[in-house]
Amino acid sequence: MDDCSLDEFRRRWLEELAQAQAPRKRRRPEAAERRARRPEVVPGRGEQASGDSALAQGLLEGAGRPPAARATRTEGQDVASRSRSPLAREGAGGGEQLVDQLIRDLNEMNDVPFFDIQLPYELAINIFQYLNRKELGRCAQVSKTWKVIAEDEVLWYRLCQQEGHLPDSSISDYSCWKLIFQECRAKEHMLRTNWKNRKGAVSELEHIPDAVLCDVHSHDGVVIAGYTSGDVRVWDTRTWDYVAPFLESEDEEDEPGMQPNVSFVRINSSLAVAAYEDGFLNIWDLRTGKYPVHRFEHDARIQALALSQDDATVATASAFDVVMLSPGEDGYWQIAAEFEVPKLVQYLEMVPETGRYPVAVAAAGDLMYLLKAEDSARTLLYAHGPPVTCLDVSANEVAFGVQGLGWVYEGSKILVYSLEAGRRLLKLGNVLRDFTCVNLSDSPPNLMVSGNMDGRVRIHDVRSGNVALSLSAHQLGVSAVQMDDWKVVSGGEEGLVSVWDYRTNQKLWEVYSGHPVQHISFSSHSLITANVPYQTVMRKADWDSFTTHRRNWEHKHQC
């Protein structure tokens, strides 16, 4: 508000105030005359009533005298002024103060968040949904109306879902989502502190005597392991019950230890899959029992196995064929698609979140294919370059390492391709040794972690293509790696598991076992590692070392 408008506003306000006070001034002499007509002494009032009559008579006499005579009655005027009410004493000067205060309040409204209290409640909720927890806390201190809006259950339920707390719950499960949000954050802080201080229970999952561990996989705390004896076991580490049931083979006449070695195992929320050296594939439904629901046979050894984490789709690679299996509408398993590739497939992964029709990525030497079950289409992503050394996929991208060409002074790299466009997006790194593992699917947005034979763990910024951080983690090369928003867990060929806080570039702790770390999977409250030997025939003294480990960093009072 500028000076001209301010003066005009003050002038108009004073005029309206004077007009409002004029009738009250005209009524004052009439009231004085009525009080003057009363007797000087009123029974029951004594001297107080006599004094009031005398004061009224004095005011009348002063009003009838000339100005010079009234000027001598200063003491009487002071008494009359003191007898007025506080509102009457404010007068014009008090009005100017009220005007100034009102103007200051109007100017302050431009600096305070404000909207009409008649705004519909649903619209206010839509506005507040863009605020984070700190901003909602500040808004709750503005007024009672804003406090009711800022503490609405819908807003705090949405915050819980955005930060990953209780993802499978509905808004009707709890009555106070703000309190639930605070409890979840307190638990998260406790778990992070336990991670940093290596505070938690350590459990070893018992292995099968006289058998060597061949492969391990896990999903959401459920672990599956395959052995040289042909046995397959499953542990649910979430229940703290480590007595694992066996998944039986369909051939009941086979004696224990007479079955072929297990080559690969995979598991998701409903299925368990095992591939054997003789080309057989068993699929179990974890919800129905321990016997397989489907058994498939290849003519040759299975070289790669993949299981979708979203649905019931299995992909296998044997010789020069890639087969996708899935249940039909009648529940019976069938071949969804079959592809032929010119070279042997070493790496095979299912693309997540593809909807009804599954999609897989297969690496065969120096070739990379995108396989779509919808039309049995085979798209060539990468060809005629250095051989692929590792592979991982996300919903939209695929990342894989390629060998270096020492004779032309070109080092090993990680290439990132777009699955939708089918073209290369990034070329990361240029190091002497080969990349042995890469994790794109579990990494935070715009970040990716990789392991190399030189023993270093590298965090890549996929926006700029630069290496954000390089950690000297292992002596004999990195075999497995995973990261989240603040830590990196890596496993080495020497059997060492290391945990790093990559924000401070500090190693938090490490643990050692006698065999290469072939599997790492962690969540906010647990870490699962598997030390799997490369040799399938070991000395008797080494059998006790073939175990999978679960390290639970949850406080002992937590579930």
Protein backbone atom coordinates (compact mmCIF):
# COMPACT_ATOMS: atom_id res chain seq x y z
CA MET A 1 0.00 0.00 0.00
CA ASP A 2 1.67 3.28 -1.17
CA ASP A 3 1.68 6.61 0.69
CA CYS A 4 -1.12 8.24 -1.34
CA SER A 5 -3.56 5.39 -0.85
CA LEU A 6 -2.55 5.20 2.82
CA ASP A 7 -3.39 8.89 3.41
CA GLU A 8 -6.67 8.57 1.55
CA PHE A 9 -7.60 5.47 3.58
CA ARG A 10 -6.79 7.28 6.87
CA ARG A 11 -8.84 10.37 5.89
CA ARG A 12 -11.93 8.37 4.95
CA TRP A 13 -11.67 6.27 8.09
CA LEU A 14 -11.54 9.37 10.33
CA GLU A 15 -14.59 10.87 8.59
CA GLU A 16 -16.61 7.71 9.18
CA LEU A 17 -15.46 7.59 12.79
CA ALA A 18 -16.50 11.21 13.38
CA GLN A 19 -19.94 10.58 11.86
CA ALA A 20 -20.43 7.58 14.12
CA GLN A 21 -19.49 9.58 17.25
CA ALA A 22 -21.67 12.64 16.47
CA PRO A 23 -25.03 11.22 17.75
CA ARG A 24 -23.34 10.14 20.98
CA LYS A 25 -22.05 13.71 21.60
CA ARG A 26 -25.55 15.18 21.04
CA ARG A 27 -27.03 12.79 23.64
CA ARG A 28 -24.57 13.83 26.39
CA PRO A 29 -26.16 17.35 27.27
CA GLU A 30 -29.64 15.81 27.42
CA ALA A 31 -28.45 13.22 29.91
CA ALA A 32 -26.79 15.95 31.99
CA GLU A 33 -30.07 17.97 32.15
CA ARG A 34 -31.99 14.92 33.36
CA ARG A 35 -29.45 14.30 36.08
CA ALA A 36 -29.62 18.01 37.12
CA ARG A 37 -33.40 17.87 37.73
CA ARG A 38 -32.96 15.19 40.36
CA PRO A 39 -32.95 16.22 44.05
CA GLU A 40 -29.57 16.97 45.54
CA VAL A 41 -30.06 14.34 48.23
CA VAL A 42 -31.54 11.03 47.30
CA PRO A 43 -32.58 8.77 50.21
CA GLY A 44 -30.38 5.71 50.43
CA ARG A 45 -27.45 7.16 48.45
CA GLY A 46 -26.08 9.74 50.88
CA GLU A 47 -23.06 11.78 49.92
CA GLN A 48 -22.38 9.87 46.71
CA ALA A 49 -25.73 11.00 45.23
CA SER A 50 -25.19 14.57 46.43
CA GLY A 51 -21.80 14.65 44.77
CA ASP A 52 -23.23 13.46 41.43
CA SER A 53 -25.92 16.21 41.52
CA ALA A 54 -23.37 18.86 42.28
CA LEU A 55 -21.15 17.65 39.43
CA ALA A 56 -24.09 17.76 36.99
CA GLN A 57 -25.07 21.27 38.13
CA GLY A 58 -21.51 22.45 37.71
CA LEU A 59 -21.37 21.13 34.14
CA LEU A 60 -24.62 23.01 33.31
CA GLU A 61 -23.38 26.24 34.78
CA GLY A 62 -20.13 25.94 32.87
CA ALA A 63 -21.96 25.38 29.63
CA GLY A 64 -23.93 28.66 30.13
CA ARG A 65 -20.90 30.83 30.94
CA PRO A 66 -18.75 32.66 28.42
CA PRO A 67 -15.44 31.05 27.34
CA ALA A 68 -13.40 33.25 29.70
CA ALA A 69 -15.43 32.12 32.68
CA ARG A 70 -15.30 28.47 31.62
CA ALA A 71 -11.52 28.67 31.32
CA THR A 72 -11.26 29.17 35.08
CA ARG A 73 -13.00 25.87 35.74
CA THR A 74 -10.00 23.74 34.78
CA GLU A 75 -10.30 21.68 37.92
CA GLY A 76 -13.95 20.89 37.23
CA GLN A 77 -13.05 19.90 33.65
CA ASP A 78 -10.36 17.53 34.93
CA VAL A 79 -12.93 15.89 37.22
CA ALA A 80 -15.36 15.49 34.30
CA SER A 81 -12.59 14.08 32.09
CA ARG A 82 -11.65 11.55 34.74
CA SER A 83 -15.29 10.51 35.11
CA ARG A 84 -15.54 9.49 31.42
CA SER A 85 -15.27 5.90 30.24
CA PRO A 86 -12.09 4.64 28.55
CA LEU A 87 -13.79 4.47 25.15
CA ALA A 88 -14.82 8.09 25.46
CA ARG A 89 -11.27 9.15 26.32
CA GLU A 90 -9.81 7.58 23.15
CA GLY A 91 -11.53 10.15 20.93
CA ALA A 92 -9.94 11.10 17.66
CA GLY A 93 -6.40 10.23 18.79
CA GLY A 94 -7.49 6.69 19.64
CA GLY A 95 -9.18 6.42 16.25
CA GLU A 96 -5.95 7.29 14.47
CA GLN A 97 -4.16 4.56 16.43
CA LEU A 98 -6.81 2.02 15.41
CA VAL A 99 -6.46 3.06 11.78
CA ASP A 100 -2.67 2.68 11.92
CA GLN A 101 -3.01 -0.77 13.50
CA LEU A 102 -5.51 -1.84 10.85
CA ILE A 103 -3.18 -0.69 8.07
CA ARG A 104 -0.30 -2.61 9.60
CA ASP A 105 -2.46 -5.74 9.76
CA LEU A 106 -3.42 -5.36 6.11
CA ASN A 107 0.21 -5.02 5.10
CA GLU A 108 1.17 -8.13 7.12
CA MET A 109 -1.45 -10.19 5.28
CA ASN A 110 0.80 -10.11 2.21
CA ASP A 111 3.53 -11.94 4.16
CA VAL A 112 1.38 -14.63 5.86
CA PRO A 113 0.00 -17.67 3.94
CA PHE A 114 -3.73 -17.04 3.77
CA PHE A 115 -6.78 -18.35 2.02
CA ASP A 116 -10.48 -17.88 2.61
CA ILE A 117 -11.88 -19.99 5.44
CA GLN A 118 -14.82 -20.73 3.15
CA LEU A 119 -12.52 -22.78 0.86
CA PRO A 120 -13.97 -26.31 0.45
CA TYR A 121 -12.26 -28.87 2.67
CA GLU A 122 -11.57 -31.25 -0.21
CA LEU A 123 -9.81 -28.49 -2.16
CA ALA A 124 -7.70 -27.60 0.87
CA ILE A 125 -6.64 -31.27 1.18
CA ASN A 126 -5.62 -31.26 -2.49
CA ILE A 127 -3.43 -28.22 -1.82
CA PHE A 128 -1.83 -29.65 1.31
CA GLN A 129 -1.01 -32.98 -0.34
CA TYR A 130 2.02 -31.39 -2.00
CA LEU A 131 3.62 -30.59 1.37
CA ASN A 132 6.16 -32.77 3.16
CA ARG A 133 6.09 -33.67 6.83
CA LYS A 134 8.02 -30.59 7.98
CA GLU A 135 5.80 -28.23 6.00
CA LEU A 136 2.66 -29.89 7.36
CA GLY A 137 3.99 -29.40 10.89
CA ARG A 138 4.54 -25.70 10.26
CA CYS A 139 1.07 -25.29 8.75
CA ALA A 140 -0.51 -26.94 11.79
CA GLN A 141 0.80 -24.03 13.90
CA VAL A 142 -0.86 -21.30 11.83
CA SER A 143 -4.43 -21.62 13.11
CA LYS A 144 -6.98 -24.11 14.33
CA THR A 145 -8.44 -24.44 10.84
CA TRP A 146 -5.04 -25.19 9.32
CA LYS A 147 -4.25 -27.62 12.12
CA VAL A 148 -7.33 -29.70 11.31
CA ILE A 149 -6.39 -29.77 7.63
CA ALA A 150 -2.68 -30.48 8.21
CA GLU A 151 -3.46 -33.46 10.46
CA ASP A 152 -5.95 -35.10 8.12
CA GLU A 153 -5.56 -38.89 7.91
CA VAL A 154 -5.38 -38.86 4.11
CA LEU A 155 -2.29 -36.65 4.10
CA TRP A 156 -0.33 -38.73 6.63
CA TYR A 157 -1.38 -42.02 5.05
CA ARG A 158 -0.05 -40.73 1.74
CA LEU A 159 3.23 -39.72 3.39
CA CYS A 160 3.59 -43.23 4.83
CA GLN A 161 3.09 -44.74 1.40
CA GLN A 162 5.53 -42.34 -0.26
CA GLU A 163 8.31 -43.18 2.22
CA GLY A 164 7.68 -46.92 2.00
CA HIS A 165 6.11 -47.45 5.43
CA LEU A 166 3.42 -50.17 5.58
CA PRO A 167 3.03 -50.38 1.77
CA ASP A 168 0.37 -53.12 1.87
CA SER A 169 -1.95 -51.38 4.33
CA SER A 170 -5.10 -49.37 3.64
CA ILE A 171 -6.16 -46.09 5.19
CA SER A 172 -8.79 -47.81 7.34
CA ASP A 173 -6.25 -50.05 9.10
CA TYR A 174 -5.24 -47.37 11.62
CA SER A 175 -7.04 -44.46 13.26
CA CYS A 176 -4.09 -42.05 13.57
CA TRP A 177 -1.70 -42.16 10.63
CA LYS A 178 0.37 -39.27 11.93
CA LEU A 179 1.29 -41.33 14.98
CA ILE A 180 1.99 -44.38 12.80
CA PHE A 181 4.25 -42.25 10.62
CA GLN A 182 6.20 -41.04 13.64
CA GLU A 183 6.59 -44.59 14.96
CA CYS A 184 7.82 -45.84 11.58
CA ARG A 185 10.41 -43.08 11.38
CA ALA A 186 11.60 -43.84 14.91
CA LYS A 187 11.96 -47.52 14.00
CA GLU A 188 13.81 -46.60 10.82
CA HIS A 189 16.25 -44.46 12.80
CA MET A 190 16.81 -47.31 15.28
CA LEU A 191 17.47 -49.82 12.47
CA ARG A 192 19.92 -47.47 10.78
CA THR A 193 21.79 -47.04 14.06
CA ASN A 194 21.92 -50.82 14.50
CA TRP A 195 23.25 -51.22 10.98
CA LYS A 196 26.04 -48.76 11.65
CA ASN A 197 26.99 -50.33 14.97
CA ARG A 198 26.67 -53.96 13.77
CA LYS A 199 24.09 -54.60 16.42
CA GLY A 200 21.84 -57.58 15.84
CA ALA A 201 21.40 -61.35 15.90
CA VAL A 202 23.44 -63.58 13.58
CA SER A 203 22.01 -66.91 12.49
CA GLU A 204 23.43 -69.70 10.31
CA LEU A 205 21.01 -71.70 8.20
CA GLU A 206 21.89 -75.38 8.60
CA HIS A 207 23.20 -77.08 5.46
CA ILE A 208 22.75 -80.64 4.27
CA PRO A 209 25.46 -83.03 5.49
CA ASP A 210 27.70 -84.60 2.83
CA ALA A 211 26.53 -82.11 0.19
CA VAL A 212 28.02 -78.99 -1.33
CA LEU A 213 26.05 -75.79 -1.75
CA CYS A 214 25.60 -75.01 -5.47
CA ASP A 215 23.37 -71.94 -5.71
CA VAL A 216 21.35 -69.61 -3.44
CA HIS A 217 18.62 -67.07 -4.12
CA SER A 218 16.24 -65.08 -1.88
CA HIS A 219 13.15 -62.92 -2.11
CA ASP A 220 11.61 -60.87 0.70
CA GLY A 221 13.33 -62.89 3.44
CA VAL A 222 12.64 -66.33 1.94
CA VAL A 223 15.81 -68.24 0.98
CA ILE A 224 16.16 -71.16 -1.43
CA ALA A 225 19.30 -73.29 -1.75
CA GLY A 226 20.32 -76.13 -4.09
CA TYR A 227 22.97 -78.77 -3.38
CA THR A 228 25.13 -81.32 -5.18
CA SER A 229 22.90 -84.03 -3.74
CA GLY A 230 19.99 -82.73 -5.82
CA ASP A 231 18.18 -81.50 -2.71
CA VAL A 232 16.41 -78.12 -2.62
CA ARG A 233 15.59 -76.42 0.68
CA VAL A 234 13.60 -73.30 1.54
CA TRP A 235 13.90 -71.15 4.69
CA ASP A 236 11.52 -68.40 5.76
CA THR A 237 13.80 -66.17 7.82
CA ARG A 238 10.95 -63.81 8.72
CA THR A 239 9.48 -66.33 11.18
CA TRP A 240 12.73 -67.06 13.06
CA ASP A 241 12.13 -70.76 12.32
CA TYR A 242 15.19 -72.13 10.58
CA VAL A 243 13.99 -75.72 10.13
CA ALA A 244 13.78 -75.70 6.34
CA PRO A 245 11.47 -78.08 4.48
CA PHE A 246 12.69 -80.02 1.47
CA LEU A 247 11.09 -79.47 -1.91
CA GLU A 248 10.59 -82.98 -3.19
CA SER A 249 11.29 -84.14 -6.71
CA GLU A 250 8.59 -85.81 -8.77
CA ASP A 251 10.62 -89.01 -9.01
CA GLU A 252 9.86 -90.61 -5.66
CA GLU A 253 11.87 -93.72 -6.53
CA ASP A 254 15.12 -91.71 -6.57
CA GLU A 255 17.19 -92.30 -3.47
CA PRO A 256 18.74 -89.35 -1.59
CA GLY A 257 22.07 -88.42 -3.10
CA MET A 258 21.29 -90.12 -6.44
CA GLN A 259 19.74 -87.07 -8.08
CA PRO A 260 21.82 -84.83 -10.38
CA ASN A 261 23.41 -81.65 -9.09
CA VAL A 262 21.34 -78.50 -8.85
CA SER A 263 22.62 -75.85 -11.27
CA PHE A 264 20.40 -72.85 -10.47
CA VAL A 265 17.62 -71.94 -8.04
CA ARG A 266 15.24 -68.98 -8.11
CA ILE A 267 12.33 -67.89 -5.90
CA ASN A 268 9.66 -65.17 -5.77
CA SER A 269 6.60 -64.61 -3.61
CA SER A 270 4.72 -67.68 -4.90
CA LEU A 271 7.08 -69.90 -6.94
CA ALA A 272 10.33 -71.80 -6.43
CA VAL A 273 12.33 -73.05 -9.41
CA ALA A 274 15.33 -75.36 -9.65
CA ALA A 275 17.36 -76.35 -12.73
CA TYR A 276 19.43 -79.57 -12.72
CA GLU A 277 22.59 -80.65 -14.53
CA ASP A 278 20.70 -83.17 -16.64
CA GLY A 279 18.47 -80.47 -18.21
CA PHE A 280 15.39 -80.97 -16.03
CA LEU A 281 13.48 -78.07 -14.51
CA ASN A 282 11.18 -78.30 -11.48
CA ILE A 283 8.63 -75.60 -10.58
CA TRP A 284 6.96 -75.57 -7.15
CA ASP A 285 4.01 -73.50 -6.01
CA LEU A 286 4.87 -72.47 -2.45
CA ARG A 287 1.19 -72.09 -1.61
CA THR A 288 0.14 -75.64 -2.48
CA GLY A 289 2.82 -78.02 -1.23
CA LYS A 290 6.30 -79.46 -1.54
CA TYR A 291 5.80 -81.36 -4.81
CA PRO A 292 6.39 -79.65 -8.17
CA VAL A 293 3.41 -78.38 -10.15
CA HIS A 294 5.32 -78.60 -13.43
CA ARG A 295 8.36 -80.42 -14.73
CA PHE A 296 10.10 -79.46 -17.98
CA GLU A 297 12.97 -81.19 -19.77
CA HIS A 298 15.66 -79.78 -22.06
CA ASP A 299 17.85 -81.90 -24.30
CA ALA A 300 21.02 -80.29 -22.93
CA ARG A 301 22.28 -78.69 -19.74
CA ILE A 302 20.51 -75.52 -18.62
CA GLN A 303 22.98 -72.64 -18.88
CA ALA A 304 20.87 -69.80 -17.44
CA LEU A 305 17.66 -69.47 -15.43
CA ALA A 306 15.43 -66.45 -14.75
CA LEU A 307 12.22 -66.01 -12.77
CA SER A 308 9.96 -62.97 -12.94
CA GLN A 309 9.51 -61.21 -9.61
CA ASP A 310 6.08 -59.90 -10.61
CA ASP A 311 4.26 -62.93 -12.01
CA ALA A 312 4.57 -66.64 -12.77
CA THR A 313 6.97 -66.62 -15.73
CA VAL A 314 10.12 -68.75 -15.98
CA ALA A 315 12.80 -68.41 -18.66
CA THR A 316 15.53 -70.97 -19.35
CA ALA A 317 18.46 -71.08 -21.75
CA SER A 318 19.76 -74.42 -22.97
CA ALA A 319 22.12 -74.85 -25.92
CA PHE A 320 20.91 -72.29 -28.51
CA ASP A 321 17.30 -72.10 -27.30
CA VAL A 322 15.56 -69.75 -24.87
CA VAL A 323 12.18 -70.92 -23.59
CA MET A 324 9.57 -68.93 -21.61
CA LEU A 325 7.10 -70.92 -19.51
CA SER A 326 3.93 -69.59 -17.86
CA PRO A 327 0.56 -71.02 -16.73
CA GLY A 328 -2.37 -70.65 -19.08
CA GLU A 329 -5.89 -69.57 -18.28
CA ASP A 330 -6.74 -73.13 -17.26
CA GLY A 331 -3.82 -73.19 -14.78
CA TYR A 332 -1.69 -75.66 -16.75
CA TRP A 333 1.86 -74.67 -17.55
CA GLN A 334 2.79 -74.21 -21.19
CA ILE A 335 5.44 -72.70 -23.44
CA ALA A 336 4.65 -68.99 -23.80
CA ALA A 337 7.44 -68.31 -26.32
CA GLU A 338 10.54 -69.95 -27.74
CA PHE A 339 13.56 -68.25 -29.29
CA GLU A 340 16.67 -69.42 -31.08
CA VAL A 341 19.97 -67.55 -30.66
CA PRO A 342 23.20 -68.12 -32.59
CA LYS A 343 25.43 -68.43 -29.50
CA LEU A 344 25.27 -69.95 -26.04
CA VAL A 345 23.50 -67.76 -23.51
CA GLN A 346 25.49 -66.91 -20.35
CA TYR A 347 23.19 -64.32 -18.75
CA LEU A 348 19.39 -64.23 -18.70
CA GLU A 349 17.11 -61.77 -16.85
CA MET A 350 13.36 -61.07 -16.84
CA VAL A 351 12.28 -57.47 -17.33
CA PRO A 352 9.99 -56.35 -14.45
CA GLU A 353 6.62 -54.63 -14.83
CA THR A 354 5.91 -55.69 -18.41
CA GLY A 355 2.22 -56.45 -17.93
CA ARG A 356 0.51 -59.40 -19.53
CA TYR A 357 3.30 -60.43 -21.92
CA PRO A 358 6.71 -61.29 -20.43
CA VAL A 359 9.96 -59.81 -21.74
CA ALA A 360 13.49 -61.13 -21.18
CA VAL A 361 17.03 -59.96 -21.90
CA ALA A 362 19.63 -62.55 -22.93
CA ALA A 363 23.39 -62.11 -23.34
CA ALA A 364 25.23 -64.58 -25.54
CA GLY A 365 28.91 -63.76 -25.91
CA ASP A 366 29.10 -60.45 -27.79
CA LEU A 367 25.36 -60.38 -28.54
CA MET A 368 22.51 -58.91 -26.47
CA TYR A 369 18.88 -59.72 -27.30
CA LEU A 370 15.53 -58.36 -26.15
CA LEU A 371 13.03 -61.24 -26.24
CA LYS A 372 9.29 -60.47 -26.25
CA ALA A 373 6.78 -63.24 -25.69
CA GLU A 374 3.90 -61.27 -27.21
CA ASP A 375 4.97 -61.91 -30.82
CA SER A 376 8.10 -64.08 -30.24
CA ALA A 377 10.13 -61.10 -31.45
CA ARG A 378 13.91 -61.11 -31.03
CA THR A 379 15.47 -57.63 -31.03
CA LEU A 380 19.24 -57.23 -31.21
CA LEU A 381 20.39 -54.59 -28.72
CA TYR A 382 24.16 -55.05 -28.83
CA ALA A 383 26.38 -56.89 -31.31
CA HIS A 384 29.94 -57.38 -32.53
CA GLY A 385 31.62 -55.80 -29.55
CA PRO A 386 33.56 -57.11 -26.56
CA PRO A 387 31.92 -60.05 -24.72
CA VAL A 388 29.41 -59.34 -21.93
CA THR A 389 30.70 -59.97 -18.38
CA CYS A 390 27.67 -59.08 -16.19
CA LEU A 391 24.03 -58.06 -16.60
CA ASP A 392 21.13 -56.44 -14.73
CA VAL A 393 17.80 -54.95 -15.85
CA SER A 394 15.21 -52.52 -14.56
CA ALA A 395 11.77 -51.70 -15.89
CA ASN A 396 13.09 -49.34 -18.58
CA GLU A 397 16.83 -49.94 -18.92
CA VAL A 398 19.44 -52.68 -19.12
CA ALA A 399 23.02 -52.32 -17.85
CA PHE A 400 25.81 -54.75 -18.69
CA GLY A 401 29.58 -54.83 -18.49
CA VAL A 402 31.81 -55.58 -21.48
CA GLN A 403 35.43 -56.69 -21.58
CA GLY A 404 38.22 -54.32 -22.41
CA LEU A 405 40.37 -54.49 -25.53
CA GLY A 406 43.89 -54.26 -24.23
CA TRP A 407 45.55 -54.27 -27.64
CA VAL A 408 43.83 -51.01 -28.57
CA TYR A 409 44.14 -49.51 -25.08
CA GLU A 410 40.38 -49.57 -24.51
CA GLY A 411 39.30 -50.55 -20.99
CA SER A 412 36.26 -52.36 -19.66
CA LYS A 413 33.00 -50.43 -19.63
CA ILE A 414 29.39 -50.59 -18.51
CA LEU A 415 26.83 -49.87 -21.21
CA VAL A 416 23.30 -48.69 -20.41
CA TYR A 417 20.60 -49.23 -23.06
CA SER A 418 17.00 -48.08 -23.24
CA LEU A 419 14.62 -51.02 -23.58
CA GLU A 420 11.91 -48.91 -25.18
CA ALA A 421 14.07 -47.14 -27.76
CA GLY A 422 16.58 -49.97 -28.20
CA ARG A 423 19.58 -47.65 -28.24
CA ARG A 424 22.53 -46.92 -26.01
CA LEU A 425 22.12 -44.20 -23.41
CA LEU A 426 25.41 -44.21 -21.54
CA LYS A 427 28.94 -45.60 -21.60
CA LEU A 428 30.35 -45.70 -18.07
CA GLY A 429 33.85 -46.37 -16.84
CA ASN A 430 37.07 -47.22 -18.61
CA VAL A 431 39.15 -49.51 -16.38
CA LEU A 432 41.76 -52.19 -16.98
CA ARG A 433 40.02 -55.11 -15.26
CA ASP A 434 36.62 -56.55 -16.14
CA PHE A 435 33.38 -55.66 -14.39
CA THR A 436 32.08 -58.72 -12.54
CA CYS A 437 28.71 -57.51 -11.21
CA VAL A 438 26.33 -54.58 -11.68
CA ASN A 439 23.16 -53.68 -9.78
CA LEU A 440 20.73 -51.33 -11.48
CA SER A 441 17.34 -52.61 -10.31
CA ASP A 442 17.91 -52.16 -6.55
CA SER A 443 19.85 -48.88 -6.71
CA PRO A 444 18.38 -45.45 -5.87
CA PRO A 445 17.17 -43.25 -8.74
CA ASN A 446 19.94 -41.91 -11.00
CA LEU A 447 22.55 -44.13 -9.32
CA MET A 448 24.04 -47.53 -10.12
CA VAL A 449 26.64 -49.65 -8.34
CA SER A 450 29.14 -52.06 -9.87
CA GLY A 451 31.95 -54.38 -8.83
CA ASN A 452 35.20 -55.06 -10.65
CA MET A 453 37.98 -57.61 -10.66
CA ASP A 454 40.33 -54.90 -9.41
CA GLY A 455 38.52 -55.11 -6.03
CA ARG A 456 36.85 -51.71 -6.26
CA VAL A 457 33.18 -50.88 -5.84
CA ARG A 458 32.06 -47.96 -8.00
CA ILE A 459 28.93 -45.84 -7.67
CA HIS A 460 27.94 -44.33 -11.03
CA ASP A 461 25.85 -41.22 -11.62
CA VAL A 462 23.74 -42.19 -14.62
CA ARG A 463 22.76 -38.56 -15.28
CA SER A 464 26.28 -37.32 -15.88
CA GLY A 465 27.97 -40.62 -16.70
CA ASN A 466 30.67 -40.05 -14.08
CA VAL A 467 31.87 -42.20 -11.20
CA ALA A 468 30.45 -40.59 -8.06
CA LEU A 469 32.51 -42.72 -5.66
CA SER A 470 35.12 -45.48 -5.87
CA LEU A 471 35.77 -47.74 -2.86
CA SER A 472 38.72 -50.08 -2.47
CA ALA A 473 36.69 -52.91 -0.95
CA HIS A 474 38.25 -56.32 -1.71
CA GLN A 475 41.55 -57.95 -2.62
CA LEU A 476 40.50 -60.70 -5.04
CA GLY A 477 37.69 -58.97 -6.91
CA VAL A 478 34.05 -58.09 -6.18
CA SER A 479 31.53 -60.91 -6.67
CA ALA A 480 28.25 -59.32 -5.45
CA VAL A 481 27.08 -55.81 -4.62
CA GLN A 482 23.92 -53.92 -3.61
CA MET A 483 23.17 -50.38 -2.42
CA ASP A 484 20.34 -48.24 -1.06
CA ASP A 485 20.00 -44.54 -0.23
CA TRP A 486 22.93 -44.46 2.22
CA LYS A 487 24.93 -47.71 2.31
CA VAL A 488 26.67 -50.22 0.06
CA VAL A 489 27.08 -53.92 0.85
CA SER A 490 29.67 -55.80 -1.21
CA GLY A 491 30.98 -59.37 -1.27
CA GLY A 492 34.37 -60.50 -2.51
CA GLU A 493 36.00 -63.56 -3.99
CA GLU A 494 38.00 -63.95 -0.78
CA GLY A 495 34.77 -64.41 1.25
CA LEU A 496 34.64 -60.95 2.83
CA VAL A 497 31.37 -59.02 3.22
CA SER A 498 31.85 -55.26 3.69
CA VAL A 499 29.29 -52.60 4.66
CA TRP A 500 30.01 -48.97 3.71
CA ASP A 501 28.37 -45.64 4.42
CA TYR A 502 29.03 -44.08 1.03
CA ARG A 503 27.90 -40.61 2.13
CA THR A 504 30.91 -40.40 4.43
CA ASN A 505 33.14 -42.80 2.44
CA GLN A 506 33.57 -44.91 5.59
CA LYS A 507 33.60 -48.66 6.11
CA LEU A 508 31.21 -49.54 8.93
CA TRP A 509 32.10 -53.19 9.48
CA GLU A 510 32.97 -56.44 7.72
CA VAL A 511 32.54 -60.21 8.21
CA TYR A 512 34.55 -63.07 6.74
CA SER A 513 33.77 -66.61 5.57
CA GLY A 514 35.93 -69.08 3.69
CA HIS A 515 34.26 -69.07 0.27
CA PRO A 516 33.32 -66.50 -2.39
CA VAL A 517 30.23 -64.40 -1.69
CA GLN A 518 27.86 -65.32 -4.51
CA HIS A 519 24.63 -63.79 -3.19
CA ILE A 520 23.78 -60.60 -1.27
CA SER A 521 20.30 -59.34 -0.46
CA PHE A 522 19.37 -56.86 2.25
CA SER A 523 16.41 -54.83 3.42
CA SER A 524 16.07 -52.22 6.13
CA HIS A 525 16.08 -54.88 8.86
CA SER A 526 18.03 -57.89 7.52
CA LEU A 527 21.02 -58.96 5.45
CA ILE A 528 21.26 -62.33 3.70
CA THR A 529 24.61 -63.48 2.31
CA ALA A 530 25.63 -66.80 0.76
CA ASN A 531 29.19 -68.09 0.49
CA VAL A 532 29.19 -70.63 -2.34
CA PRO A 533 32.33 -72.53 -3.41
CA TYR A 534 33.26 -72.83 -7.06
CA GLN A 535 34.27 -76.47 -6.67
CA THR A 536 31.49 -79.03 -6.31
CA VAL A 537 33.76 -81.62 -4.69
CA MET A 538 35.41 -80.52 -1.43
CA ARG A 539 37.32 -82.02 1.42
CA LYS A 540 35.45 -83.40 4.41
CA ALA A 541 36.92 -80.70 6.63
CA ASP A 542 35.32 -77.99 4.47
CA TRP A 543 31.74 -79.26 4.60
CA ASP A 544 30.83 -77.28 7.69
CA SER A 545 31.57 -74.02 5.87
CA PHE A 546 28.97 -74.40 3.14
CA THR A 547 26.22 -72.38 4.78
CA THR A 548 24.03 -69.43 4.06
CA HIS A 549 23.88 -66.68 6.64
CA ARG A 550 21.18 -64.29 7.74
CA ARG A 551 22.16 -61.23 9.76
CA ASN A 552 19.23 -59.52 11.40
CA TRP A 553 19.88 -55.92 12.50
CA GLU A 554 16.51 -55.47 14.09
CA HIS A 555 16.39 -54.72 17.79
CA LYS A 556 15.59 -57.72 19.93
CA HIS A 557 12.26 -56.22 20.94
CA GLN A 558 11.16 -55.77 17.36
CA CYS A 559 9.22 -58.37 15.41
